[in-house]
Amino acid sequence: MLTLIFMILMISVFGKLLWFAVKAAWSVTKILVTIVFLPLVLIGIAASGLLSVAFFGVLAVGAVSLFLPAR
C-alpha cells in the first residue's frame, strides 16, 4: 500500500515538473523562432533574389503582430 501511494505521489510530482518543462520549452521555442529563425529565413529569401516574397512576408508578420495582442 505504501508503494502504491509513493508511486502515485511520484507520478504527481514528476508530472507537474514535466508540465512545467514543456511550458518552459515552448516559451524558449517561441522566442527562438521569433527572434532568430524568422529574420534569418526572411534575410535568406531576400538574399536569394525573392525580395518581393520577403517583403510580403514582412508585411504579413507585421500585420499579425499589429492586430493580435501580445501574450
PDB file of N, CA and C in Angstrom:
ATOM      1  N   MET A   1       0.817  -1.188   0.000  1.00  0.00           N
ATOM      2  CA  MET A   1       0.000   0.000   0.000  1.00  0.00           C
ATOM      3  C   MET A   1       0.868   1.262   0.000  1.00  0.00           C
ATOM      4  N   LEU A   2       1.923   1.271   0.795  1.00  0.00           N
ATOM      5  CA  LEU A   2       2.822   2.426   0.804  1.00  0.00           C
ATOM      6  C   LEU A   2       3.517   2.600  -0.547  1.00  0.00           C
ATOM      7  N   THR A   3       3.814   1.488  -1.191  1.00  0.00           N
ATOM      8  CA  THR A   3       4.447   1.568  -2.508  1.00  0.00           C
ATOM      9  C   THR A   3       3.508   2.211  -3.514  1.00  0.00           C
ATOM     10  N   LEU A   4       2.233   1.873  -3.452  1.00  0.00           N
ATOM     11  CA  LEU A   4       1.248   2.455  -4.359  1.00  0.00           C
ATOM     12  C   LEU A   4       1.109   3.962  -4.107  1.00  0.00           C
ATOM     13  N   ILE A   5       1.031   4.359  -2.862  1.00  0.00           N
ATOM     14  CA  ILE A   5       0.937   5.785  -2.530  1.00  0.00           C
ATOM     15  C   ILE A   5       2.200   6.512  -2.991  1.00  0.00           C
ATOM     16  N   PHE A   6       3.360   5.913  -2.765  1.00  0.00           N
ATOM     17  CA  PHE A   6       4.615   6.501  -3.196  1.00  0.00           C
ATOM     18  C   PHE A   6       4.637   6.678  -4.713  1.00  0.00           C
ATOM     19  N   MET A   7       4.202   5.663  -5.454  1.00  0.00           N
ATOM     20  CA  MET A   7       4.193   5.739  -6.917  1.00  0.00           C
ATOM     21  C   MET A   7       3.237   6.824  -7.412  1.00  0.00           C
ATOM     22  N   ILE A   8       2.078   6.934  -6.792  1.00  0.00           N
ATOM     23  CA  ILE A   8       1.109   7.958  -7.187  1.00  0.00           C
ATOM     24  C   ILE A   8       1.676   9.355  -6.932  1.00  0.00           C
ATOM     25  N   LEU A   9       2.287   9.546  -5.773  1.00  0.00           N
ATOM     26  CA  LEU A   9       2.880  10.845  -5.466  1.00  0.00           C
ATOM     27  C   LEU A   9       4.061  11.164  -6.374  1.00  0.00           C
ATOM     28  N   MET A  10       4.864  10.177  -6.701  1.00  0.00           N
ATOM     29  CA  MET A  10       5.988  10.396  -7.617  1.00  0.00           C
ATOM     30  C   MET A  10       5.483  10.799  -9.003  1.00  0.00           C
ATOM     31  N   ILE A  11       4.454  10.120  -9.484  1.00  0.00           N
ATOM     32  CA  ILE A  11       3.881  10.470 -10.784  1.00  0.00           C
ATOM     33  C   ILE A  11       3.308  11.874 -10.733  1.00  0.00           C
ATOM     34  N   SER A  12       2.676  12.224  -9.630  1.00  0.00           N
ATOM     35  CA  SER A  12       2.108  13.566  -9.481  1.00  0.00           C
ATOM     36  C   SER A  12       3.199  14.630  -9.500  1.00  0.00           C
ATOM     37  N   VAL A  13       4.235  14.429  -8.710  1.00  0.00           N
ATOM     38  CA  VAL A  13       5.311  15.421  -8.631  1.00  0.00           C
ATOM     39  C   VAL A  13       6.034  15.538  -9.961  1.00  0.00           C
ATOM     40  N   PHE A  14       6.430  14.432 -10.542  1.00  0.00           N
ATOM     41  CA  PHE A  14       7.176  14.493 -11.788  1.00  0.00           C
ATOM     42  C   PHE A  14       6.285  14.850 -12.966  1.00  0.00           C
ATOM     43  N   GLY A  15       4.993  14.597 -12.869  1.00  0.00           N
ATOM     44  CA  GLY A  15       4.058  15.068 -13.894  1.00  0.00           C
ATOM     45  C   GLY A  15       3.988  16.578 -13.908  1.00  0.00           C
ATOM     46  N   LYS A  16       3.945  17.181 -12.715  1.00  0.00           N
ATOM     47  CA  LYS A  16       3.939  18.643 -12.640  1.00  0.00           C
ATOM     48  C   LYS A  16       5.257  19.215 -13.148  1.00  0.00           C
ATOM     49  N   LEU A  17       6.360  18.595 -12.811  1.00  0.00           N
ATOM     50  CA  LEU A  17       7.657  19.053 -13.309  1.00  0.00           C
ATOM     51  C   LEU A  17       7.750  18.905 -14.826  1.00  0.00           C
ATOM     52  N   LEU A  18       7.202  17.820 -15.356  1.00  0.00           N
ATOM     53  CA  LEU A  18       7.197  17.616 -16.800  1.00  0.00           C
ATOM     54  C   LEU A  18       6.356  18.690 -17.478  1.00  0.00           C
ATOM     55  N   TRP A  19       5.192  19.011 -16.915  1.00  0.00           N
ATOM     56  CA  TRP A  19       4.326  20.041 -17.483  1.00  0.00           C
ATOM     57  C   TRP A  19       5.037  21.397 -17.462  1.00  0.00           C
ATOM     58  N   PHE A  20       5.705  21.710 -16.362  1.00  0.00           N
ATOM     59  CA  PHE A  20       6.467  22.957 -16.274  1.00  0.00           C
ATOM     60  C   PHE A  20       7.581  22.987 -17.326  1.00  0.00           C
ATOM     61  N   ALA A  21       8.259  21.876 -17.517  1.00  0.00           N
ATOM     62  CA  ALA A  21       9.340  21.805 -18.508  1.00  0.00           C
ATOM     63  C   ALA A  21       8.802  22.004 -19.921  1.00  0.00           C
ATOM     64  N   VAL A  22       7.651  21.432 -20.206  1.00  0.00           N
ATOM     65  CA  VAL A  22       7.056  21.594 -21.537  1.00  0.00           C
ATOM     66  C   VAL A  22       6.663  23.050 -21.760  1.00  0.00           C
ATOM     67  N   LYS A  23       6.070  23.691 -20.748  1.00  0.00           N
ATOM     68  CA  LYS A  23       5.698  25.099 -20.885  1.00  0.00           C
ATOM     69  C   LYS A  23       6.939  25.968 -21.063  1.00  0.00           C
ATOM     70  N   ALA A  24       7.992  25.698 -20.310  1.00  0.00           N
ATOM     71  CA  ALA A  24       9.225  26.479 -20.430  1.00  0.00           C
ATOM     72  C   ALA A  24       9.872  26.264 -21.797  1.00  0.00           C
ATOM     73  N   ALA A  25       9.894  25.036 -22.268  1.00  0.00           N
ATOM     74  CA  ALA A  25      10.496  24.749 -23.570  1.00  0.00           C
ATOM     75  C   ALA A  25       9.682  25.400 -24.684  1.00  0.00           C
ATOM     76  N   TRP A  26       8.357  25.435 -24.541  1.00  0.00           N
ATOM     77  CA  TRP A  26       7.527  26.073 -25.551  1.00  0.00           C
ATOM     78  C   TRP A  26       7.826  27.565 -25.600  1.00  0.00           C
ATOM     79  N   SER A  27       8.037  28.181 -24.439  1.00  0.00           N
ATOM     80  CA  SER A  27       8.370  29.601 -24.411  1.00  0.00           C
ATOM     81  C   SER A  27       9.722  29.857 -25.077  1.00  0.00           C
ATOM     82  N   VAL A  28      10.691  29.013 -24.791  1.00  0.00           N
ATOM     83  CA  VAL A  28      12.009  29.164 -25.400  1.00  0.00           C
ATOM     84  C   VAL A  28      11.912  28.967 -26.911  1.00  0.00           C
ATOM     85  N   THR A  29      11.101  28.020 -27.346  1.00  0.00           N
ATOM     86  CA  THR A  29      10.930  27.773 -28.773  1.00  0.00           C
ATOM     87  C   THR A  29      10.293  28.976 -29.456  1.00  0.00           C
ATOM     88  N   LYS A  30       9.283  29.567 -28.839  1.00  0.00           N
ATOM     89  CA  LYS A  30       8.651  30.746 -29.426  1.00  0.00           C
ATOM     90  C   LYS A  30       9.641  31.900 -29.524  1.00  0.00           C
ATOM     91  N   ILE A  31      10.462  32.075 -28.521  1.00  0.00           N
ATOM     92  CA  ILE A  31      11.459  33.150 -28.546  1.00  0.00           C
ATOM     93  C   ILE A  31      12.476  32.902 -29.652  1.00  0.00           C
ATOM     94  N   LEU A  32      12.956  31.668 -29.768  1.00  0.00           N
ATOM     95  CA  LEU A  32      13.944  31.358 -30.805  1.00  0.00           C
ATOM     96  C   LEU A  32      13.365  31.560 -32.198  1.00  0.00           C
ATOM     97  N   VAL A  33      12.151  31.120 -32.416  1.00  0.00           N
ATOM     98  CA  VAL A  33      11.548  31.266 -33.740  1.00  0.00           C
ATOM     99  C   VAL A  33      11.338  32.740 -34.057  1.00  0.00           C
ATOM    100  N   THR A  34      10.861  33.507 -33.092  1.00  0.00           N
ATOM    101  CA  THR A  34      10.568  34.911 -33.332  1.00  0.00           C
ATOM    102  C   THR A  34      11.826  35.751 -33.499  1.00  0.00           C
ATOM    103  N   ILE A  35      12.805  35.539 -32.662  1.00  0.00           N
ATOM    104  CA  ILE A  35      13.987  36.398 -32.644  1.00  0.00           C
ATOM    105  C   ILE A  35      15.064  35.931 -33.619  1.00  0.00           C
ATOM    106  N   VAL A  36      15.208  34.612 -33.798  1.00  0.00           N
ATOM    107  CA  VAL A  36      16.336  34.095 -34.571  1.00  0.00           C
ATOM    108  C   VAL A  36      15.916  33.576 -35.947  1.00  0.00           C
ATOM    109  N   PHE A  37      15.010  32.600 -35.986  1.00  0.00           N
ATOM    110  CA  PHE A  37      14.764  31.888 -37.233  1.00  0.00           C
ATOM    111  C   PHE A  37      13.958  32.691 -38.252  1.00  0.00           C
ATOM    112  N   LEU A  38      12.947  33.416 -37.817  1.00  0.00           N
ATOM    113  CA  LEU A  38      12.149  34.186 -38.765  1.00  0.00           C
ATOM    114  C   LEU A  38      12.971  35.254 -39.478  1.00  0.00           C
ATOM    115  N   PRO A  39      13.759  36.057 -38.776  1.00  0.00           N
ATOM    116  CA  PRO A  39      14.603  37.019 -39.510  1.00  0.00           C
ATOM    117  C   PRO A  39      15.622  36.345 -40.435  1.00  0.00           C
ATOM    118  N   LEU A  40      16.199  35.225 -39.994  1.00  0.00           N
ATOM    119  CA  LEU A  40      17.152  34.522 -40.860  1.00  0.00           C
ATOM    120  C   LEU A  40      16.491  34.006 -42.128  1.00  0.00           C
ATOM    121  N   VAL A  41      15.287  33.480 -42.000  1.00  0.00           N
ATOM    122  CA  VAL A  41      14.560  32.986 -43.173  1.00  0.00           C
ATOM    123  C   VAL A  41      14.236  34.143 -44.114  1.00  0.00           C
ATOM    124  N   LEU A  42      13.761  35.252 -43.568  1.00  0.00           N
ATOM    125  CA  LEU A  42      13.437  36.397 -44.421  1.00  0.00           C
ATOM    126  C   LEU A  42      14.684  36.972 -45.089  1.00  0.00           C
ATOM    127  N   ILE A  43      15.803  37.038 -44.389  1.00  0.00           N
ATOM    128  CA  ILE A  43      17.056  37.511 -44.986  1.00  0.00           C
ATOM    129  C   ILE A  43      17.512  36.544 -46.073  1.00  0.00           C
ATOM    130  N   GLY A  44      17.372  35.247 -45.816  1.00  0.00           N
ATOM    131  CA  GLY A  44      17.739  34.256 -46.829  1.00  0.00           C
ATOM    132  C   GLY A  44      16.880  34.350 -48.070  1.00  0.00           C
ATOM    133  N   ILE A  45      15.592  34.584 -47.886  1.00  0.00           N
ATOM    134  CA  ILE A  45      14.695  34.737 -49.042  1.00  0.00           C
ATOM    135  C   ILE A  45      15.075  35.983 -49.833  1.00  0.00           C
ATOM    136  N   ALA A  46      15.343  37.072 -49.128  1.00  0.00           N
ATOM    137  CA  ALA A  46      15.719  38.315 -49.809  1.00  0.00           C
ATOM    138  C   ALA A  46      17.066  38.172 -50.513  1.00  0.00           C
ATOM    139  N   ALA A  47      18.011  37.486 -49.887  1.00  0.00           N
ATOM    140  CA  ALA A  47      19.338  37.322 -50.485  1.00  0.00           C
ATOM    141  C   ALA A  47      19.306  36.409 -51.707  1.00  0.00           C
ATOM    142  N   SER A  48      18.337  35.513 -51.750  1.00  0.00           N
ATOM    143  CA  SER A  48      18.264  34.609 -52.894  1.00  0.00           C
ATOM    144  C   SER A  48      17.569  35.242 -54.094  1.00  0.00           C
ATOM    145  N   GLY A  49      17.148  36.484 -53.960  1.00  0.00           N
ATOM    146  CA  GLY A  49      16.568  37.184 -55.098  1.00  0.00           C
ATOM    147  C   GLY A  49      15.058  37.253 -55.088  1.00  0.00           C
ATOM    148  N   LEU A  50      14.445  36.772 -54.061  1.00  0.00           N
ATOM    149  CA  LEU A  50      12.990  36.802 -53.975  1.00  0.00           C
ATOM    150  C   LEU A  50      12.546  37.907 -53.017  1.00  0.00           C
ATOM    151  N   LEU A  51      12.970  39.113 -53.324  1.00  0.00           N
ATOM    152  CA  LEU A  51      12.706  40.246 -52.441  1.00  0.00           C
ATOM    153  C   LEU A  51      11.212  40.521 -52.309  1.00  0.00           C
ATOM    154  N   SER A  52      10.457  40.304 -53.369  1.00  0.00           N
ATOM    155  CA  SER A  52       9.013  40.561 -53.287  1.00  0.00           C
ATOM    156  C   SER A  52       8.341  39.579 -52.329  1.00  0.00           C
ATOM    157  N   VAL A  53       8.791  38.346 -52.306  1.00  0.00           N
ATOM    158  CA  VAL A  53       8.233  37.358 -51.371  1.00  0.00           C
ATOM    159  C   VAL A  53       8.612  37.724 -49.940  1.00  0.00           C
ATOM    160  N   ALA A  54       9.870  38.124 -49.736  1.00  0.00           N
ATOM    161  CA  ALA A  54      10.309  38.514 -48.403  1.00  0.00           C
ATOM    162  C   ALA A  54       9.571  39.763 -47.930  1.00  0.00           C
ATOM    163  N   PHE A  55       9.318  40.695 -48.846  1.00  0.00           N
ATOM    164  CA  PHE A  55       8.594  41.910 -48.485  1.00  0.00           C
ATOM    165  C   PHE A  55       7.180  41.589 -48.021  1.00  0.00           C
ATOM    166  N   PHE A  56       6.489  40.715 -48.748  1.00  0.00           N
ATOM    167  CA  PHE A  56       5.139  40.339 -48.330  1.00  0.00           C
ATOM    168  C   PHE A  56       5.158  39.511 -47.048  1.00  0.00           C
ATOM    169  N   GLY A  57       6.225  38.763 -46.831  1.00  0.00           N
ATOM    170  CA  GLY A  57       6.372  38.047 -45.569  1.00  0.00           C
ATOM    171  C   GLY A  57       6.509  39.001 -44.395  1.00  0.00           C
ATOM    172  N   VAL A  58       7.301  40.042 -44.578  1.00  0.00           N
ATOM    173  CA  VAL A  58       7.465  41.048 -43.522  1.00  0.00           C
ATOM    174  C   VAL A  58       6.143  41.780 -43.291  1.00  0.00           C
ATOM    175  N   LEU A  59       5.436  42.085 -44.368  1.00  0.00           N
ATOM    176  CA  LEU A  59       4.133  42.746 -44.216  1.00  0.00           C
ATOM    177  C   LEU A  59       3.140  41.859 -43.481  1.00  0.00           C
ATOM    178  N   ALA A  60       3.122  40.583 -43.789  1.00  0.00           N
ATOM    179  CA  ALA A  60       2.196  39.662 -43.124  1.00  0.00           C
ATOM    180  C   ALA A  60       2.520  39.536 -41.641  1.00  0.00           C
ATOM    181  N   VAL A  61       3.789  39.383 -41.317  1.00  0.00           N
ATOM    182  CA  VAL A  61       4.188  39.280 -39.912  1.00  0.00           C
ATOM    183  C   VAL A  61       3.892  40.578 -39.178  1.00  0.00           C
ATOM    184  N   GLY A  62       4.135  41.705 -39.821  1.00  0.00           N
ATOM    185  CA  GLY A  62       3.834  42.996 -39.210  1.00  0.00           C
ATOM    186  C   GLY A  62       2.345  43.189 -38.960  1.00  0.00           C
ATOM    187  N   ALA A  63       1.507  42.771 -39.922  1.00  0.00           N
ATOM    188  CA  ALA A  63       0.062  42.903 -39.749  1.00  0.00           C
ATOM    189  C   ALA A  63      -0.441  42.010 -38.621  1.00  0.00           C
ATOM    190  N   VAL A  64       0.076  40.807 -38.553  1.00  0.00           N
ATOM    191  CA  VAL A  64      -0.330  39.896 -37.481  1.00  0.00           C
ATOM    192  C   VAL A  64       0.100  40.438 -36.128  1.00  0.00           C
ATOM    193  N   SER A  65       1.312  40.945 -36.036  1.00  0.00           N
ATOM    194  CA  SER A  65       1.787  41.469 -34.753  1.00  0.00           C
ATOM    195  C   SER A  65       1.070  42.770 -34.379  1.00  0.00           C
ATOM    196  N   LEU A  66       0.576  43.495 -35.359  1.00  0.00           N
ATOM    197  CA  LEU A  66      -0.137  44.732 -35.087  1.00  0.00           C
ATOM    198  C   LEU A  66      -1.543  44.463 -34.552  1.00  0.00           C
ATOM    199  N   PHE A  67      -2.233  43.468 -35.118  1.00  0.00           N
ATOM    200  CA  PHE A  67      -3.625  43.241 -34.776  1.00  0.00           C
ATOM    201  C   PHE A  67      -3.844  42.206 -33.685  1.00  0.00           C
ATOM    202  N   LEU A  68      -2.881  41.333 -33.436  1.00  0.00           N
ATOM    203  CA  LEU A  68      -3.043  40.368 -32.361  1.00  0.00           C
ATOM    204  C   LEU A  68      -2.385  40.902 -31.090  1.00  0.00           C
ATOM    205  N   PRO A  69      -3.058  40.730 -29.958  1.00  0.00           N
ATOM    206  CA  PRO A  69      -2.462  41.238 -28.717  1.00  0.00           C
ATOM    207  C   PRO A  69      -1.283  40.373 -28.274  1.00  0.00           C
ATOM    208  N   ALA A  70      -0.331  40.996 -27.629  1.00  0.00           N
ATOM    209  CA  ALA A  70       0.828  40.269 -27.092  1.00  0.00           C
ATOM    210  C   ALA A  70       0.391  39.495 -25.865  1.00  0.00           C
ATOM    211  N   ARG A  71       0.939  38.306 -25.701  1.00  0.00           N
ATOM    212  CA  ARG A  71       0.551  37.467 -24.568  1.00  0.00           C
ATOM    213  C   ARG A  71       1.590  37.516 -23.503  1.00  0.00           C
TER     214      ARG A  71
END
